[in-house]
All heavy atoms as atom14 arrays in JSON, in Angstrom:
{
  "sequence": "GDFREDLFYRLSVMPLFLPPLRERLEDIPEVARLLLAKIGQTQGRK",
  "atom14_mask": [
    [1, 1, 1, 1, 0, 0, 0, 0, 0, 0, 0, 0, 0, 0],
    [1, 1, 1, 1, 1, 1, 1, 1, 0, 0, 0, 0, 0, 0],
    [1, 1, 1, 1, 1, 1, 1, 1, 1, 1, 1, 0, 0, 0],
    [1, 1, 1, 1, 1, 1, 1, 1, 1, 1, 1, 0, 0, 0],
    [1, 1, 1, 1, 1, 1, 1, 1, 1, 0, 0, 0, 0, 0],
    [1, 1, 1, 1, 1, 1, 1, 1, 0, 0, 0, 0, 0, 0],
    [1, 1, 1, 1, 1, 1, 1, 1, 0, 0, 0, 0, 0, 0],
    [1, 1, 1, 1, 1, 1, 1, 1, 1, 1, 1, 0, 0, 0],
    [1, 1, 1, 1, 1, 1, 1, 1, 1, 1, 1, 1, 0, 0],
    [1, 1, 1, 1, 1, 1, 1, 1, 1, 1, 1, 0, 0, 0],
    [1, 1, 1, 1, 1, 1, 1, 1, 0, 0, 0, 0, 0, 0],
    [1, 1, 1, 1, 1, 1, 0, 0, 0, 0, 0, 0, 0, 0],
    [1, 1, 1, 1, 1, 1, 1, 0, 0, 0, 0, 0, 0, 0],
    [1, 1, 1, 1, 1, 1, 1, 1, 0, 0, 0, 0, 0, 0],
    [1, 1, 1, 1, 1, 1, 1, 0, 0, 0, 0, 0, 0, 0],
    [1, 1, 1, 1, 1, 1, 1, 1, 0, 0, 0, 0, 0, 0],
    [1, 1, 1, 1, 1, 1, 1, 1, 1, 1, 1, 0, 0, 0],
    [1, 1, 1, 1, 1, 1, 1, 1, 0, 0, 0, 0, 0, 0],
    [1, 1, 1, 1, 1, 1, 1, 0, 0, 0, 0, 0, 0, 0],
    [1, 1, 1, 1, 1, 1, 1, 0, 0, 0, 0, 0, 0, 0],
    [1, 1, 1, 1, 1, 1, 1, 1, 0, 0, 0, 0, 0, 0],
    [1, 1, 1, 1, 1, 1, 1, 1, 1, 1, 1, 0, 0, 0],
    [1, 1, 1, 1, 1, 1, 1, 1, 1, 0, 0, 0, 0, 0],
    [1, 1, 1, 1, 1, 1, 1, 1, 1, 1, 1, 0, 0, 0],
    [1, 1, 1, 1, 1, 1, 1, 1, 0, 0, 0, 0, 0, 0],
    [1, 1, 1, 1, 1, 1, 1, 1, 1, 0, 0, 0, 0, 0],
    [1, 1, 1, 1, 1, 1, 1, 1, 0, 0, 0, 0, 0, 0],
    [1, 1, 1, 1, 1, 1, 1, 1, 0, 0, 0, 0, 0, 0],
    [1, 1, 1, 1, 1, 1, 1, 0, 0, 0, 0, 0, 0, 0],
    [1, 1, 1, 1, 1, 1, 1, 1, 1, 0, 0, 0, 0, 0],
    [1, 1, 1, 1, 1, 1, 1, 0, 0, 0, 0, 0, 0, 0],
    [1, 1, 1, 1, 1, 0, 0, 0, 0, 0, 0, 0, 0, 0],
    [1, 1, 1, 1, 1, 1, 1, 1, 1, 1, 1, 0, 0, 0],
    [1, 1, 1, 1, 1, 1, 1, 1, 0, 0, 0, 0, 0, 0],
    [1, 1, 1, 1, 1, 1, 1, 1, 0, 0, 0, 0, 0, 0],
    [1, 1, 1, 1, 1, 1, 1, 1, 0, 0, 0, 0, 0, 0],
    [1, 1, 1, 1, 1, 0, 0, 0, 0, 0, 0, 0, 0, 0],
    [1, 1, 1, 1, 1, 1, 1, 1, 1, 0, 0, 0, 0, 0],
    [1, 1, 1, 1, 1, 1, 1, 1, 0, 0, 0, 0, 0, 0],
    [1, 1, 1, 1, 0, 0, 0, 0, 0, 0, 0, 0, 0, 0],
    [1, 1, 1, 1, 1, 1, 1, 1, 1, 0, 0, 0, 0, 0],
    [1, 1, 1, 1, 1, 1, 1, 0, 0, 0, 0, 0, 0, 0],
    [1, 1, 1, 1, 1, 1, 1, 1, 1, 0, 0, 0, 0, 0],
    [1, 1, 1, 1, 0, 0, 0, 0, 0, 0, 0, 0, 0, 0],
    [1, 1, 1, 1, 1, 1, 1, 1, 1, 1, 1, 0, 0, 0],
    [1, 1, 1, 1, 1, 1, 1, 1, 1, 0, 0, 0, 0, 0]
  ],
  "atom14_positions": [
    [[3.04, -25.67, 3.53], [4.3, -26.12, 3.03], [4.76, -25.36, 1.75], [5.68, -25.73, 1.06], [0.0, 0.0, 0.0], [0.0, 0.0, 0.0], [0.0, 0.0, 0.0], [0.0, 0.0, 0.0], [0.0, 0.0, 0.0], [0.0, 0.0, 0.0], [0.0, 0.0, 0.0], [0.0, 0.0, 0.0], [0.0, 0.0, 0.0], [0.0, 0.0, 0.0]],
    [[4.07, -24.24, 1.52], [4.39, -23.44, 0.29], [5.38, -22.32, 0.57], [5.89, -21.68, -0.38], [3.1, -22.82, -0.26], [2.14, -23.85, -0.72], [2.6, -24.92, -1.22], [0.91, -23.59, -0.69], [0.0, 0.0, 0.0], [0.0, 0.0, 0.0], [0.0, 0.0, 0.0], [0.0, 0.0, 0.0], [0.0, 0.0, 0.0], [0.0, 0.0, 0.0]],
    [[5.66, -22.02, 1.87], [6.6, -20.97, 2.21], [7.43, -21.44, 3.36], [6.9, -22.06, 4.31], [5.77, -19.71, 2.58], [6.62, -18.44, 2.55], [6.79, -17.75, 1.35], [7.2, -17.91, 3.68], [7.57, -16.64, 1.3], [7.99, -16.77, 3.63], [8.13, -16.1, 2.43], [0.0, 0.0, 0.0], [0.0, 0.0, 0.0], [0.0, 0.0, 0.0]],
    [[8.76, -21.17, 3.27], [9.63, -21.67, 4.34], [9.36, -20.98, 5.66], [9.26, -19.73, 5.73], [11.09, -21.34, 3.94], [11.6, -22.1, 2.71], [13.03, -21.71, 2.44], [13.87, -22.06, 3.54], [14.88, -22.89, 3.47], [15.19, -23.44, 2.32], [15.67, -23.16, 4.51], [0.0, 0.0, 0.0], [0.0, 0.0, 0.0], [0.0, 0.0, 0.0]],
    [[9.27, -21.78, 6.7], [9.01, -21.27, 8.01], [10.16, -20.4, 8.52], [9.9, -19.32, 9.09], [8.77, -22.46, 9.0], [8.38, -21.97, 10.4], [7.99, -23.15, 11.27], [8.36, -24.28, 10.97], [7.37, -22.91, 12.32], [0.0, 0.0, 0.0], [0.0, 0.0, 0.0], [0.0, 0.0, 0.0], [0.0, 0.0, 0.0], [0.0, 0.0, 0.0]],
    [[11.38, -20.81, 8.27], [12.5, -20.0, 8.74], [12.54, -18.64, 8.05], [12.88, -17.62, 8.66], [13.82, -20.78, 8.59], [14.03, -21.42, 7.22], [13.14, -21.34, 6.4], [15.02, -22.1, 7.05], [0.0, 0.0, 0.0], [0.0, 0.0, 0.0], [0.0, 0.0, 0.0], [0.0, 0.0, 0.0], [0.0, 0.0, 0.0], [0.0, 0.0, 0.0]],
    [[12.22, -18.59, 6.78], [12.14, -17.33, 6.05], [11.02, -16.46, 6.57], [11.15, -15.25, 6.77], [12.03, -17.57, 4.58], [11.92, -16.32, 3.69], [13.1, -15.4, 3.86], [11.73, -16.71, 2.19], [0.0, 0.0, 0.0], [0.0, 0.0, 0.0], [0.0, 0.0, 0.0], [0.0, 0.0, 0.0], [0.0, 0.0, 0.0], [0.0, 0.0, 0.0]],
    [[9.89, -17.09, 6.89], [8.74, -16.37, 7.45], [9.16, -15.63, 8.73], [8.88, -14.44, 8.86], [7.58, -17.31, 7.75], [6.52, -16.71, 8.53], [5.54, -15.84, 7.91], [6.35, -16.91, 9.86], [4.51, -15.24, 8.63], [5.31, -16.28, 10.63], [4.42, -15.46, 9.99], [0.0, 0.0, 0.0], [0.0, 0.0, 0.0], [0.0, 0.0, 0.0]],
    [[9.84, -16.32, 9.64], [10.29, -15.69, 10.86], [11.33, -14.63, 10.66], [11.4, -13.65, 11.37], [10.7, -16.72, 11.91], [9.54, -17.53, 12.39], [9.39, -18.86, 12.17], [8.51, -16.87, 13.14], [8.25, -19.56, 12.64], [7.41, -17.53, 13.57], [7.31, -18.87, 13.33], [6.2, -19.56, 13.8], [0.0, 0.0, 0.0], [0.0, 0.0, 0.0]],
    [[12.2, -14.8, 9.63], [13.19, -13.78, 9.31], [12.5, -12.51, 8.79], [12.98, -11.4, 9.13], [14.1, -14.28, 8.21], [15.28, -15.02, 8.69], [16.27, -14.06, 9.26], [17.39, -14.82, 9.83], [18.22, -14.32, 10.68], [18.12, -13.04, 11.07], [19.17, -15.07, 11.16], [0.0, 0.0, 0.0], [0.0, 0.0, 0.0], [0.0, 0.0, 0.0]],
    [[11.45, -12.63, 8.0], [10.74, -11.53, 7.49], [9.8, -10.84, 8.47], [9.43, -9.67, 8.34], [9.97, -11.91, 6.23], [10.85, -12.3, 5.06], [9.99, -12.9, 3.96], [11.58, -11.06, 4.53], [0.0, 0.0, 0.0], [0.0, 0.0, 0.0], [0.0, 0.0, 0.0], [0.0, 0.0, 0.0], [0.0, 0.0, 0.0], [0.0, 0.0, 0.0]],
    [[9.35, -11.56, 9.47], [8.3, -11.12, 10.42], [8.81, -10.37, 11.61], [8.29, -10.52, 12.74], [7.42, -12.29, 10.83], [6.77, -12.82, 9.71], [0.0, 0.0, 0.0], [0.0, 0.0, 0.0], [0.0, 0.0, 0.0], [0.0, 0.0, 0.0], [0.0, 0.0, 0.0], [0.0, 0.0, 0.0], [0.0, 0.0, 0.0], [0.0, 0.0, 0.0]],
    [[9.79, -9.59, 11.4], [10.37, -8.83, 12.59], [9.35, -7.79, 13.01], [9.11, -7.64, 14.24], [11.72, -8.16, 12.16], [12.21, -7.21, 13.25], [12.73, -9.17, 11.78], [0.0, 0.0, 0.0], [0.0, 0.0, 0.0], [0.0, 0.0, 0.0], [0.0, 0.0, 0.0], [0.0, 0.0, 0.0], [0.0, 0.0, 0.0], [0.0, 0.0, 0.0]],
    [[8.77, -7.02, 12.12], [7.79, -6.01, 12.47], [6.64, -6.08, 11.43], [6.57, -5.32, 10.48], [8.43, -4.63, 12.41], [7.52, -3.46, 12.74], [6.7, -3.5, 14.31], [8.07, -3.08, 15.37], [0.0, 0.0, 0.0], [0.0, 0.0, 0.0], [0.0, 0.0, 0.0], [0.0, 0.0, 0.0], [0.0, 0.0, 0.0], [0.0, 0.0, 0.0]],
    [[5.72, -7.04, 11.64], [4.63, -7.18, 10.62], [3.63, -6.02, 10.77], [3.28, -5.59, 11.86], [3.99, -8.51, 10.99], [4.37, -8.79, 12.38], [5.67, -8.05, 12.64], [0.0, 0.0, 0.0], [0.0, 0.0, 0.0], [0.0, 0.0, 0.0], [0.0, 0.0, 0.0], [0.0, 0.0, 0.0], [0.0, 0.0, 0.0], [0.0, 0.0, 0.0]],
    [[3.21, -5.53, 9.65], [2.15, -4.52, 9.58], [1.04, -5.07, 8.67], [1.32, -5.53, 7.58], [2.67, -3.25, 8.95], [3.82, -2.54, 9.7], [4.38, -1.4, 8.9], [3.39, -2.1, 11.07], [0.0, 0.0, 0.0], [0.0, 0.0, 0.0], [0.0, 0.0, 0.0], [0.0, 0.0, 0.0], [0.0, 0.0, 0.0], [0.0, 0.0, 0.0]],
    [[-0.19, -5.0, 9.15], [-1.33, -5.54, 8.36], [-2.1, -4.33, 7.88], [-2.66, -3.6, 8.7], [-2.12, -6.5, 9.18], [-1.33, -7.69, 9.61], [-0.77, -7.72, 10.89], [-1.12, -8.77, 8.76], [0.0, -8.83, 11.27], [-0.34, -9.82, 9.14], [0.24, -9.88, 10.43], [0.0, 0.0, 0.0], [0.0, 0.0, 0.0], [0.0, 0.0, 0.0]],
    [[-2.17, -4.16, 6.56], [-2.93, -3.04, 6.0], [-4.13, -3.65, 5.3], [-4.0, -4.46, 4.41], [-2.06, -2.29, 4.98], [-2.63, -1.05, 4.37], [-2.89, -0.01, 5.44], [-1.68, -0.45, 3.39], [0.0, 0.0, 0.0], [0.0, 0.0, 0.0], [0.0, 0.0, 0.0], [0.0, 0.0, 0.0], [0.0, 0.0, 0.0], [0.0, 0.0, 0.0]],
    [[-5.34, -3.32, 5.79], [-6.53, -3.85, 5.15], [-6.64, -3.41, 3.67], [-6.13, -2.33, 3.32], [-7.69, -3.38, 5.99], [-7.14, -2.33, 6.92], [-5.64, -2.42, 6.85], [0.0, 0.0, 0.0], [0.0, 0.0, 0.0], [0.0, 0.0, 0.0], [0.0, 0.0, 0.0], [0.0, 0.0, 0.0], [0.0, 0.0, 0.0], [0.0, 0.0, 0.0]],
    [[-7.33, -4.18, 2.87], [-7.54, -3.77, 1.45], [-8.31, -2.44, 1.37], [-9.01, -2.07, 2.27], [-8.29, -4.91, 0.8], [-8.82, -5.68, 1.95], [-8.02, -5.42, 3.15], [0.0, 0.0, 0.0], [0.0, 0.0, 0.0], [0.0, 0.0, 0.0], [0.0, 0.0, 0.0], [0.0, 0.0, 0.0], [0.0, 0.0, 0.0], [0.0, 0.0, 0.0]],
    [[-8.16, -1.8, 0.24], [-8.76, -0.48, 0.05], [-10.28, -0.55, 0.23], [-10.88, 0.35, 0.78], [-8.43, 0.02, -1.37], [-8.76, 1.49, -1.66], [-8.14, 2.44, -0.66], [-8.34, 1.8, -3.11], [0.0, 0.0, 0.0], [0.0, 0.0, 0.0], [0.0, 0.0, 0.0], [0.0, 0.0, 0.0], [0.0, 0.0, 0.0], [0.0, 0.0, 0.0]],
    [[-10.9, -1.66, -0.15], [-12.38, -1.78, -0.02], [-12.84, -1.74, 1.43], [-13.98, -1.49, 1.72], [-12.89, -3.03, -0.71], [-12.42, -4.32, -0.02], [-12.94, -5.56, -0.8], [-12.17, -6.73, -0.42], [-11.04, -7.1, -0.97], [-10.54, -6.41, -1.92], [-10.43, -8.18, -0.54], [0.0, 0.0, 0.0], [0.0, 0.0, 0.0], [0.0, 0.0, 0.0]],
    [[-11.9, -1.98, 2.38], [-12.21, -1.88, 3.81], [-11.81, -0.55, 4.38], [-11.98, -0.34, 5.58], [-11.54, -3.02, 4.53], [-12.08, -4.41, 4.17], [-11.27, -5.51, 4.86], [-10.56, -5.28, 5.86], [-11.4, -6.7, 4.41], [0.0, 0.0, 0.0], [0.0, 0.0, 0.0], [0.0, 0.0, 0.0], [0.0, 0.0, 0.0], [0.0, 0.0, 0.0]],
    [[-11.24, 0.33, 3.57], [-10.81, 1.67, 4.01], [-11.37, 2.73, 3.1], [-10.6, 3.59, 2.61], [-9.31, 1.73, 4.04], [-8.66, 0.73, 4.93], [-7.09, 0.77, 4.86], [-6.57, 0.32, 3.57], [-5.83, 1.11, 2.75], [-5.55, 2.33, 3.03], [-5.4, 0.61, 1.66], [0.0, 0.0, 0.0], [0.0, 0.0, 0.0], [0.0, 0.0, 0.0]],
    [[-12.59, 2.66, 2.69], [-13.17, 3.6, 1.75], [-12.99, 5.05, 2.15], [-12.92, 5.93, 1.27], [-14.67, 3.26, 1.53], [-14.94, 1.88, 0.93], [-16.4, 1.67, 0.77], [-14.21, 1.72, -0.4], [0.0, 0.0, 0.0], [0.0, 0.0, 0.0], [0.0, 0.0, 0.0], [0.0, 0.0, 0.0], [0.0, 0.0, 0.0], [0.0, 0.0, 0.0]],
    [[-12.93, 5.3, 3.44], [-12.72, 6.7, 3.86], [-11.34, 7.25, 3.5], [-11.11, 8.43, 3.46], [-12.9, 6.83, 5.41], [-11.88, 6.1, 6.2], [-12.06, 4.6, 6.4], [-13.0, 4.01, 5.87], [-11.19, 3.96, 7.09], [0.0, 0.0, 0.0], [0.0, 0.0, 0.0], [0.0, 0.0, 0.0], [0.0, 0.0, 0.0], [0.0, 0.0, 0.0]],
    [[-10.41, 6.34, 3.12], [-9.09, 6.76, 2.69], [-9.02, 7.14, 1.21], [-7.98, 7.71, 0.77], [-8.07, 5.68, 2.94], [-7.79, 5.43, 4.4], [-8.19, 6.26, 5.25], [-7.15, 4.38, 4.76], [0.0, 0.0, 0.0], [0.0, 0.0, 0.0], [0.0, 0.0, 0.0], [0.0, 0.0, 0.0], [0.0, 0.0, 0.0], [0.0, 0.0, 0.0]],
    [[-10.03, 6.78, 0.47], [-10.0, 6.96, -1.0], [-9.72, 8.42, -1.39], [-8.85, 8.67, -2.23], [-11.22, 6.35, -1.7], [-11.09, 4.86, -1.64], [-11.39, 6.94, -3.09], [-12.25, 4.11, -2.25], [0.0, 0.0, 0.0], [0.0, 0.0, 0.0], [0.0, 0.0, 0.0], [0.0, 0.0, 0.0], [0.0, 0.0, 0.0], [0.0, 0.0, 0.0]],
    [[-10.44, 9.39, -0.82], [-10.11, 10.8, -1.26], [-8.65, 11.19, -1.08], [-8.06, 11.75, -2.0], [-11.03, 11.66, -0.36], [-12.15, 10.77, -0.02], [-11.52, 9.38, 0.1], [0.0, 0.0, 0.0], [0.0, 0.0, 0.0], [0.0, 0.0, 0.0], [0.0, 0.0, 0.0], [0.0, 0.0, 0.0], [0.0, 0.0, 0.0], [0.0, 0.0, 0.0]],
    [[-8.07, 10.89, 0.05], [-6.66, 11.26, 0.29], [-5.72, 10.43, -0.64], [-4.78, 11.06, -1.17], [-6.33, 11.01, 1.78], [-4.93, 11.51, 2.14], [-4.64, 11.41, 3.6], [-5.57, 11.16, 4.41], [-3.47, 11.53, 3.97], [0.0, 0.0, 0.0], [0.0, 0.0, 0.0], [0.0, 0.0, 0.0], [0.0, 0.0, 0.0], [0.0, 0.0, 0.0]],
    [[-5.97, 9.16, -0.74], [-5.11, 8.35, -1.6], [-5.25, 8.82, -3.07], [-4.24, 8.91, -3.79], [-5.47, 6.87, -1.48], [-4.69, 5.99, -2.45], [-5.18, 6.37, -0.05], [0.0, 0.0, 0.0], [0.0, 0.0, 0.0], [0.0, 0.0, 0.0], [0.0, 0.0, 0.0], [0.0, 0.0, 0.0], [0.0, 0.0, 0.0], [0.0, 0.0, 0.0]],
    [[-6.49, 9.11, -3.51], [-6.73, 9.54, -4.84], [-5.98, 10.89, -5.15], [-5.36, 11.07, -6.17], [-8.21, 9.73, -5.1], [0.0, 0.0, 0.0], [0.0, 0.0, 0.0], [0.0, 0.0, 0.0], [0.0, 0.0, 0.0], [0.0, 0.0, 0.0], [0.0, 0.0, 0.0], [0.0, 0.0, 0.0], [0.0, 0.0, 0.0], [0.0, 0.0, 0.0]],
    [[-6.07, 11.81, -4.2], [-5.4, 13.08, -4.37], [-3.85, 12.91, -4.43], [-3.18, 13.59, -5.22], [-5.79, 14.07, -3.31], [-7.21, 14.6, -3.5], [-7.55, 15.74, -2.54], [-8.96, 16.1, -2.74], [-9.96, 15.74, -1.97], [-9.76, 14.96, -0.91], [-11.19, 16.14, -2.23], [0.0, 0.0, 0.0], [0.0, 0.0, 0.0], [0.0, 0.0, 0.0]],
    [[-3.36, 12.03, -3.6], [-1.93, 11.75, -3.63], [-1.49, 11.17, -4.99], [-0.51, 11.61, -5.58], [-1.51, 10.79, -2.47], [-0.08, 10.38, -2.4], [0.75, 11.53, -1.91], [0.05, 9.17, -1.55], [0.0, 0.0, 0.0], [0.0, 0.0, 0.0], [0.0, 0.0, 0.0], [0.0, 0.0, 0.0], [0.0, 0.0, 0.0], [0.0, 0.0, 0.0]],
    [[-2.3, 10.19, -5.45], [-1.95, 9.55, -6.71], [-2.08, 10.54, -7.86], [-1.29, 10.55, -8.81], [-2.87, 8.37, -6.95], [-2.66, 7.15, -6.05], [-3.76, 6.14, -6.23], [-1.26, 6.58, -6.26], [0.0, 0.0, 0.0], [0.0, 0.0, 0.0], [0.0, 0.0, 0.0], [0.0, 0.0, 0.0], [0.0, 0.0, 0.0], [0.0, 0.0, 0.0]],
    [[-3.12, 11.42, -7.82], [-3.25, 12.43, -8.91], [-2.1, 13.42, -8.91], [-1.7, 13.88, -9.95], [-4.62, 13.16, -8.73], [-5.83, 12.36, -9.23], [-7.1, 13.12, -8.94], [-5.72, 12.04, -10.71], [0.0, 0.0, 0.0], [0.0, 0.0, 0.0], [0.0, 0.0, 0.0], [0.0, 0.0, 0.0], [0.0, 0.0, 0.0], [0.0, 0.0, 0.0]],
    [[-1.54, 13.76, -7.71], [-0.4, 14.63, -7.68], [0.76, 13.96, -8.41], [1.5, 14.59, -9.16], [-0.05, 14.99, -6.26], [0.0, 0.0, 0.0], [0.0, 0.0, 0.0], [0.0, 0.0, 0.0], [0.0, 0.0, 0.0], [0.0, 0.0, 0.0], [0.0, 0.0, 0.0], [0.0, 0.0, 0.0], [0.0, 0.0, 0.0], [0.0, 0.0, 0.0]],
    [[0.93, 12.7, -8.15], [2.05, 11.91, -8.76], [1.84, 11.84, -10.33], [2.76, 12.08, -11.08], [2.07, 10.52, -8.14], [3.08, 9.57, -8.78], [2.97, 8.21, -8.1], [3.57, 7.16, -8.96], [3.31, 5.78, -8.45], [0.0, 0.0, 0.0], [0.0, 0.0, 0.0], [0.0, 0.0, 0.0], [0.0, 0.0, 0.0], [0.0, 0.0, 0.0]],
    [[0.62, 11.5, -10.72], [0.27, 11.42, -12.14], [0.43, 12.76, -12.76], [0.96, 12.91, -13.88], [-1.12, 10.8, -12.3], [-1.2, 9.38, -11.79], [-1.58, 10.92, -13.75], [-2.61, 8.83, -11.55], [0.0, 0.0, 0.0], [0.0, 0.0, 0.0], [0.0, 0.0, 0.0], [0.0, 0.0, 0.0], [0.0, 0.0, 0.0], [0.0, 0.0, 0.0]],
    [[-0.07, 13.79, -12.11], [0.07, 15.14, -12.67], [1.49, 15.61, -12.85], [1.86, 16.26, -13.82], [0.0, 0.0, 0.0], [0.0, 0.0, 0.0], [0.0, 0.0, 0.0], [0.0, 0.0, 0.0], [0.0, 0.0, 0.0], [0.0, 0.0, 0.0], [0.0, 0.0, 0.0], [0.0, 0.0, 0.0], [0.0, 0.0, 0.0], [0.0, 0.0, 0.0]],
    [[2.36, 15.18, -11.92], [3.73, 15.53, -12.04], [4.38, 14.86, -13.31], [5.1, 15.47, -14.03], [4.52, 15.08, -10.76], [5.95, 15.57, -10.75], [6.63, 15.23, -9.44], [6.17, 14.35, -8.72], [7.66, 15.98, -9.11], [0.0, 0.0, 0.0], [0.0, 0.0, 0.0], [0.0, 0.0, 0.0], [0.0, 0.0, 0.0], [0.0, 0.0, 0.0]],
    [[3.96, 13.62, -13.49], [4.42, 12.89, -14.7], [3.94, 13.57, -15.97], [4.64, 13.66, -16.91], [3.95, 11.41, -14.65], [4.45, 10.81, -13.44], [4.43, 10.67, -15.84], [0.0, 0.0, 0.0], [0.0, 0.0, 0.0], [0.0, 0.0, 0.0], [0.0, 0.0, 0.0], [0.0, 0.0, 0.0], [0.0, 0.0, 0.0], [0.0, 0.0, 0.0]],
    [[2.71, 14.0, -15.97], [2.07, 14.63, -17.12], [2.42, 16.11, -17.24], [2.13, 16.73, -18.25], [0.53, 14.49, -17.1], [0.06, 13.11, -17.27], [-1.45, 13.02, -17.34], [-2.19, 14.01, -17.19], [-1.96, 11.82, -17.57], [0.0, 0.0, 0.0], [0.0, 0.0, 0.0], [0.0, 0.0, 0.0], [0.0, 0.0, 0.0], [0.0, 0.0, 0.0]],
    [[3.02, 16.67, -16.21], [3.43, 18.04, -16.31], [2.29, 19.05, -16.17], [2.29, 20.11, -16.72], [0.0, 0.0, 0.0], [0.0, 0.0, 0.0], [0.0, 0.0, 0.0], [0.0, 0.0, 0.0], [0.0, 0.0, 0.0], [0.0, 0.0, 0.0], [0.0, 0.0, 0.0], [0.0, 0.0, 0.0], [0.0, 0.0, 0.0], [0.0, 0.0, 0.0]],
    [[1.28, 18.63, -15.38], [0.11, 19.55, -15.12], [-0.49, 19.2, -13.76], [-0.33, 18.1, -13.3], [-0.94, 19.45, -16.27], [-1.52, 18.08, -16.42], [-2.37, 17.99, -17.67], [-3.09, 16.73, -17.79], [-4.2, 16.51, -18.37], [-4.86, 17.56, -18.9], [-4.71, 15.33, -18.47], [0.0, 0.0, 0.0], [0.0, 0.0, 0.0], [0.0, 0.0, 0.0]],
    [[-1.2, 20.15, -13.28], [-1.91, 19.96, -11.98], [-3.27, 19.43, -12.23], [-4.1, 20.06, -12.9], [-1.94, 21.27, -11.19], [-2.5, 21.07, -9.8], [-2.42, 22.35, -9.01], [-3.1, 22.05, -7.71], [-2.64, 22.83, -6.59], [0.0, 0.0, 0.0], [0.0, 0.0, 0.0], [0.0, 0.0, 0.0], [0.0, 0.0, 0.0], [0.0, 0.0, 0.0]]
  ]
}
């Protein structure tokens, strides 16, 4: 009773379930490099 059922169905048109990072440890290198590129851009260095 904490979330409206009608809103749930409105939002659930195409649900995607992404497991937490701890269950996708093999993704860490790629995600880390992507994040470092973003951070590096902000800092103005590679």
